[in-house]
C-alpha atoms as a PDB file:
ATOM      1  CA  MET A   1     -79.077  38.084   1.826  1.00  0.00           C
ATOM      2  CA  ASN A   2     -82.001  37.113   4.109  1.00  0.00           C
ATOM      3  CA  GLY A   3     -80.257  39.140   6.893  1.00  0.00           C
ATOM      4  CA  LEU A   4     -80.146  42.307   4.724  1.00  0.00           C
ATOM      5  CA  ALA A   5     -83.750  41.812   3.725  1.00  0.00           C
ATOM      6  CA  PHE A   6     -84.847  41.481   7.301  1.00  0.00           C
ATOM      7  CA  TRP A   7     -82.929  44.439   8.273  1.00  0.00           C
ATOM      8  CA  TRP A   8     -84.475  46.574   5.529  1.00  0.00           C
ATOM      9  CA  GLN A   9     -87.992  45.497   6.514  1.00  0.00           C
ATOM     10  CA  THR A  10     -87.422  46.296  10.006  1.00  0.00           C
ATOM     11  CA  ARG A  11     -86.731  50.069   8.832  1.00  0.00           C
ATOM     12  CA  THR A  12     -89.489  52.530   8.794  1.00  0.00           C
ATOM     13  CA  SER A  13     -90.420  54.246   5.602  1.00  0.00           C
ATOM     14  CA  ARG A  14     -88.613  57.455   6.638  1.00  0.00           C
ATOM     15  CA  GLU A  15     -85.536  55.625   7.353  1.00  0.00           C
ATOM     16  CA  ARG A  16     -85.729  53.536   4.040  1.00  0.00           C
ATOM     17  CA  GLY A  17     -86.335  56.960   2.197  1.00  0.00           C
ATOM     18  CA  LEU A  18     -83.127  58.554   4.003  1.00  0.00           C
ATOM     19  CA  LEU A  19     -81.015  55.430   3.364  1.00  0.00           C
ATOM     20  CA  GLY A  20     -82.067  55.427  -0.370  1.00  0.00           C
ATOM     21  CA  GLY A  21     -81.256  59.010  -0.670  1.00  0.00           C
ATOM     22  CA  LEU A  22     -77.837  58.639   1.008  1.00  0.00           C
ATOM     23  CA  VAL A  23     -77.040  55.635  -1.426  1.00  0.00           C
ATOM     24  CA  VAL A  24     -77.865  57.820  -4.374  1.00  0.00           C
ATOM     25  CA  LEU A  25     -75.756  60.627  -3.182  1.00  0.00           C
ATOM     26  CA  VAL A  26     -72.803  58.287  -2.572  1.00  0.00           C
ATOM     27  CA  VAL A  27     -73.178  56.773  -6.050  1.00  0.00           C
ATOM     28  CA  VAL A  28     -73.268  60.181  -7.571  1.00  0.00           C
ATOM     29  CA  LEU A  29     -70.161  61.497  -5.663  1.00  0.00           C
ATOM     30  CA  VAL A  30     -68.126  58.200  -6.529  1.00  0.00           C
ATOM     31  CA  GLY A  31     -69.255  58.483 -10.157  1.00  0.00           C
ATOM     32  CA  GLN A  32     -68.023  62.150 -10.292  1.00  0.00           C
ATOM     33  CA  SER A  33     -64.664  61.433  -8.522  1.00  0.00           C
ATOM     34  CA  LEU A  34     -63.869  58.197 -10.290  1.00  0.00           C
ATOM     35  CA  LEU A  35     -65.358  58.906 -13.619  1.00  0.00           C
ATOM     36  CA  TRP A  36     -66.406  62.332 -14.512  1.00  0.00           C
ATOM     37  CA  ARG A  37     -63.406  64.325 -12.932  1.00  0.00           C
ATOM     38  CA  PRO A  38     -60.520  62.380 -14.477  1.00  0.00           C
ATOM     39  CA  ALA A  39     -62.293  62.369 -18.022  1.00  0.00           C
ATOM     40  CA  ALA A  40     -62.620  66.120 -17.714  1.00  0.00           C
ATOM     41  CA  ASP A  41     -58.906  66.647 -16.672  1.00  0.00           C
ATOM     42  CA  HIS A  42     -57.888  64.432 -19.500  1.00  0.00           C
ATOM     43  CA  VAL A  43     -59.894  66.473 -22.009  1.00  0.00           C
ATOM     44  CA  ASP A  44     -58.470  69.710 -20.528  1.00  0.00           C
ATOM     45  CA  ALA A  45     -54.897  68.294 -20.936  1.00  0.00           C
ATOM     46  CA  LEU A  46     -55.620  67.388 -24.589  1.00  0.00           C
ATOM     47  CA  GLN A  47     -56.967  70.852 -25.168  1.00  0.00           C
ATOM     48  CA  ARG A  48     -53.926  72.326 -23.736  1.00  0.00           C
ATOM     49  CA  GLU A  49     -51.681  70.070 -25.997  1.00  0.00           C
ATOM     50  CA  LEU A  50     -53.580  70.701 -29.162  1.00  0.00           C
ATOM     51  CA  PRO A  51     -51.982  74.011 -30.104  1.00  0.00           C
ATOM     52  CA  VAL A  52     -48.557  72.458 -29.679  1.00  0.00           C
ATOM     53  CA  LEU A  53     -49.230  69.441 -31.881  1.00  0.00           C
ATOM     54  CA  GLY A  54     -50.833  71.988 -34.387  1.00  0.00           C
ATOM     55  CA  ALA A  55     -47.528  73.819 -34.481  1.00  0.00           C
ATOM     56  CA  ASP A  56     -45.557  70.604 -34.698  1.00  0.00           C
ATOM     57  CA  LEU A  57     -47.747  69.597 -37.705  1.00  0.00           C
ATOM     58  CA  GLU A  58     -47.197  73.072 -39.410  1.00  0.00           C
ATOM     59  CA  GLN A  59     -43.413  72.712 -38.934  1.00  0.00           C
ATOM     60  CA  MET A  60     -43.396  69.104 -40.475  1.00  0.00           C
ATOM     61  CA  GLN A  61     -45.354  70.151 -43.345  1.00  0.00           C
ATOM     62  CA  GLY A  62     -42.885  72.978 -43.932  1.00  0.00           C
ATOM     63  CA  MET A  63     -40.145  70.610 -43.870  1.00  0.00           C
ATOM     64  CA  ALA A  64     -41.900  68.270 -46.291  1.00  0.00           C
ATOM     65  CA  ALA A  65     -42.427  71.297 -48.724  1.00  0.00           C
ATOM     66  CA  ALA A  66     -38.792  72.259 -48.377  1.00  0.00           C
ATOM     67  CA  LEU A  67     -37.646  68.580 -48.970  1.00  0.00           C
ATOM     68  CA  GLU A  68     -40.097  68.246 -52.050  1.00  0.00           C
ATOM     69  CA  SER A  69     -38.603  71.804 -53.591  1.00  0.00           C
ATOM     70  CA  ARG A  70     -35.067  70.541 -53.004  1.00  0.00           C
ATOM     71  CA  SER A  71     -35.700  67.215 -54.748  1.00  0.00           C
ATOM     72  CA  VAL A  72     -37.252  68.753 -57.795  1.00  0.00           C
ATOM     73  CA  GLY A  73     -34.806  68.128 -60.906  1.00  0.00           C
ATOM     74  CA  VAL A  74     -32.751  65.408 -58.898  1.00  0.00           C
ATOM     75  CA  LYS A  75     -32.039  62.560 -61.323  1.00  0.00           C
ATOM     76  CA  ARG A  76     -31.565  59.072 -60.222  1.00  0.00           C
ATOM     77  CA  GLU A  77     -27.996  58.006 -60.919  1.00  0.00           C
ATOM     78  CA  ALA A  78     -26.962  54.507 -62.209  1.00  0.00           C
ATOM     79  CA  PRO A  79     -27.092  52.054 -59.511  1.00  0.00           C
ATOM     80  CA  LEU A  80     -23.736  51.982 -57.550  1.00  0.00           C
ATOM     81  CA  GLN A  81     -22.566  48.929 -55.550  1.00  0.00           C
ATOM     82  CA  GLY A  82     -20.150  48.172 -52.825  1.00  0.00           C
ATOM     83  CA  GLU A  83     -17.128  50.709 -52.090  1.00  0.00           C
ATOM     84  CA  ALA A  84     -18.421  52.937 -54.964  1.00  0.00           C
ATOM     85  CA  LEU A  85     -21.742  53.433 -53.401  1.00  0.00           C
ATOM     86  CA  VAL A  86     -20.341  53.994 -50.002  1.00  0.00           C
ATOM     87  CA  ALA A  87     -17.994  56.479 -51.453  1.00  0.00           C
ATOM     88  CA  ALA A  88     -20.725  58.412 -53.304  1.00  0.00           C
ATOM     89  CA  LEU A  89     -22.940  58.397 -50.110  1.00  0.00           C
ATOM     90  CA  ASP A  90     -20.039  59.459 -48.062  1.00  0.00           C
ATOM     91  CA  LYS A  91     -19.292  62.548 -50.471  1.00  0.00           C
ATOM     92  CA  SER A  92     -22.941  63.499 -50.332  1.00  0.00           C
ATOM     93  CA  LEU A  93     -23.059  63.493 -46.680  1.00  0.00           C
ATOM     94  CA  ARG A  94     -20.064  65.710 -46.529  1.00  0.00           C
ATOM     95  CA  GLU A  95     -21.687  68.101 -49.007  1.00  0.00           C
ATOM     96  CA  ALA A  96     -24.873  68.118 -47.007  1.00  0.00           C
ATOM     97  CA  GLY A  97     -22.860  69.214 -44.045  1.00  0.00           C
ATOM     98  CA  ILE A  98     -23.170  65.857 -42.039  1.00  0.00           C
ATOM     99  CA  GLU A  99     -19.580  65.560 -40.939  1.00  0.00           C
ATOM    100  CA  THR A 100     -19.926  63.313 -38.209  1.00  0.00           C
ATOM    101  CA  ALA A 101     -21.503  60.533 -40.064  1.00  0.00           C
ATOM    102  CA  VAL A 102     -19.971  57.022 -40.476  1.00  0.00           C
ATOM    103  CA  LEU A 103     -21.017  54.467 -43.084  1.00  0.00           C
ATOM    104  CA  THR A 104     -20.455  50.922 -42.520  1.00  0.00           C
ATOM    105  CA  PRO A 105     -21.293  48.196 -45.044  1.00  0.00           C
ATOM    106  CA  GLN A 106     -23.095  45.296 -43.665  1.00  0.00           C
ATOM    107  CA  ALA A 107     -24.715  41.999 -45.357  1.00  0.00           C
ATOM    108  CA  GLY A 108     -25.989  42.345 -48.995  1.00  0.00           C
ATOM    109  CA  ARG A 109     -27.095  45.783 -49.881  1.00  0.00           C
ATOM    110  CA  VAL A 110     -27.400  47.034 -46.374  1.00  0.00           C
ATOM    111  CA  LEU A 111     -25.302  49.916 -44.856  1.00  0.00           C
ATOM    112  CA  GLY A 112     -25.255  51.098 -41.235  1.00  0.00           C
ATOM    113  CA  MET A 113     -25.091  54.808 -40.702  1.00  0.00           C
ATOM    114  CA  THR A 114     -24.253  56.607 -37.393  1.00  0.00           C
ATOM    115  CA  CYS A 115     -24.243  60.275 -36.880  1.00  0.00           C
ATOM    116  CA  ARG A 116     -23.960  62.489 -33.675  1.00  0.00           C
ATOM    117  CA  ASP A 117     -25.173  66.153 -33.088  1.00  0.00           C
ATOM    118  CA  VAL A 118     -26.722  66.612 -36.638  1.00  0.00           C
ATOM    119  CA  PRO A 119     -29.601  68.972 -37.375  1.00  0.00           C
ATOM    120  CA  PHE A 120     -32.618  66.676 -37.982  1.00  0.00           C
ATOM    121  CA  SER A 121     -33.989  68.484 -40.761  1.00  0.00           C
ATOM    122  CA  THR A 122     -30.525  68.200 -42.492  1.00  0.00           C
ATOM    123  CA  MET A 123     -30.483  64.447 -41.919  1.00  0.00           C
ATOM    124  CA  VAL A 124     -33.940  63.996 -43.341  1.00  0.00           C
ATOM    125  CA  ALA A 125     -33.185  66.158 -46.409  1.00  0.00           C
ATOM    126  CA  TRP A 126     -30.014  64.040 -47.008  1.00  0.00           C
ATOM    127  CA  LEU A 127     -32.009  60.765 -46.513  1.00  0.00           C
ATOM    128  CA  ASP A 128     -34.722  62.182 -49.001  1.00  0.00           C
ATOM    129  CA  ARG A 129     -31.990  62.902 -51.581  1.00  0.00           C
ATOM    130  CA  ALA A 130     -30.202  59.709 -51.122  1.00  0.00           C
ATOM    131  CA  GLY A 131     -33.554  57.870 -51.623  1.00  0.00           C
ATOM    132  CA  ARG A 132     -34.207  59.602 -54.755  1.00  0.00           C
ATOM    133  CA  VAL A 133     -30.648  59.447 -56.294  1.00  0.00           C
ATOM    134  CA  TRP A 134     -29.342  56.088 -55.113  1.00  0.00           C
ATOM    135  CA  GLY A 135     -32.528  54.280 -54.104  1.00  0.00           C
ATOM    136  CA  VAL A 136     -31.469  54.149 -50.415  1.00  0.00           C
ATOM    137  CA  HIS A 137     -34.179  53.927 -47.779  1.00  0.00           C
ATOM    138  CA  VAL A 138     -34.252  53.491 -44.027  1.00  0.00           C
ATOM    139  CA  SER A 139     -35.277  50.245 -42.715  1.00  0.00           C
ATOM    140  CA  GLU A 140     -34.476  50.774 -39.028  1.00  0.00           C
ATOM    141  CA  ALA A 141     -33.767  53.909 -37.327  1.00  0.00           C
ATOM    142  CA  HIS A 142     -32.711  54.896 -33.738  1.00  0.00           C
ATOM    143  CA  VAL A 143     -32.872  58.682 -33.086  1.00  0.00           C
ATOM    144  CA  GLU A 144     -32.323  60.651 -29.864  1.00  0.00           C
ATOM    145  CA  ARG A 145     -32.337  64.226 -28.971  1.00  0.00           C
ATOM    146  CA  SER A 146     -28.784  65.777 -28.633  1.00  0.00           C
ATOM    147  CA  GLN A 147     -27.580  69.086 -28.056  1.00  0.00           C
ATOM    148  CA  GLY A 148     -29.192  72.243 -29.474  1.00  0.00           C
ATOM    149  CA  LEU A 149     -32.690  72.987 -30.672  1.00  0.00           C
ATOM    150  CA  GLU A 150     -32.988  70.454 -33.437  1.00  0.00           C
ATOM    151  CA  ASN A 151     -29.966  68.161 -33.243  1.00  0.00           C
ATOM    152  CA  VAL A 152     -29.996  64.528 -32.941  1.00  0.00           C
ATOM    153  CA  ASN A 153     -27.706  61.392 -32.605  1.00  0.00           C
ATOM    154  CA  ALA A 154     -28.936  58.752 -34.964  1.00  0.00           C
ATOM    155  CA  ARG A 155     -28.067  55.045 -35.727  1.00  0.00           C
ATOM    156  CA  LEU A 156     -29.889  53.971 -39.100  1.00  0.00           C
ATOM    157  CA  ARG A 157     -29.956  50.863 -41.086  1.00  0.00           C
ATOM    158  CA  LEU A 158     -30.049  51.827 -44.783  1.00  0.00           C
ATOM    159  CA  GLU A 159     -31.131  49.446 -47.574  1.00  0.00           C
ATOM    160  CA  VAL A 160     -30.236  49.975 -51.174  1.00  0.00           C
ATOM    161  CA  GLY A 161     -32.675  49.479 -53.912  1.00  0.00           C
ATOM    162  CA  GLY A 162     -36.303  48.151 -53.735  1.00  0.00           C
END
């Protein structure tokens, strides 16, 4: 540090002023390019994304309202077990138009369900009804987009009761 202090002391006051101004200018430019501009770009991207997210929220609220209106008056049936439960769930899947679903009993009161190329809203409506009627809820889900605007492929782990 002695070398830098000695070098600084040997500069004239005019040179010190010029160097100080250059340092301030460099700090401002670096601050703008490393902090301000990326933050402003991120804010702009978020503002562009906001209308899309708002539309998604409205769609989800509409789906929730539709599910709620469908489930009015649905009565919970007596608890079924084993093959009777699988048969009842399978029948309700077919009635809901989910033809590609396959139910597989697993350990205890756990079922595996796979379906391909199913409208997401149809699957969610069926899951809601199954939860209200038979006490089935999703404990694990792997869902990926399929063909079509709303269709998905899904692997679900369903638990009965609780």
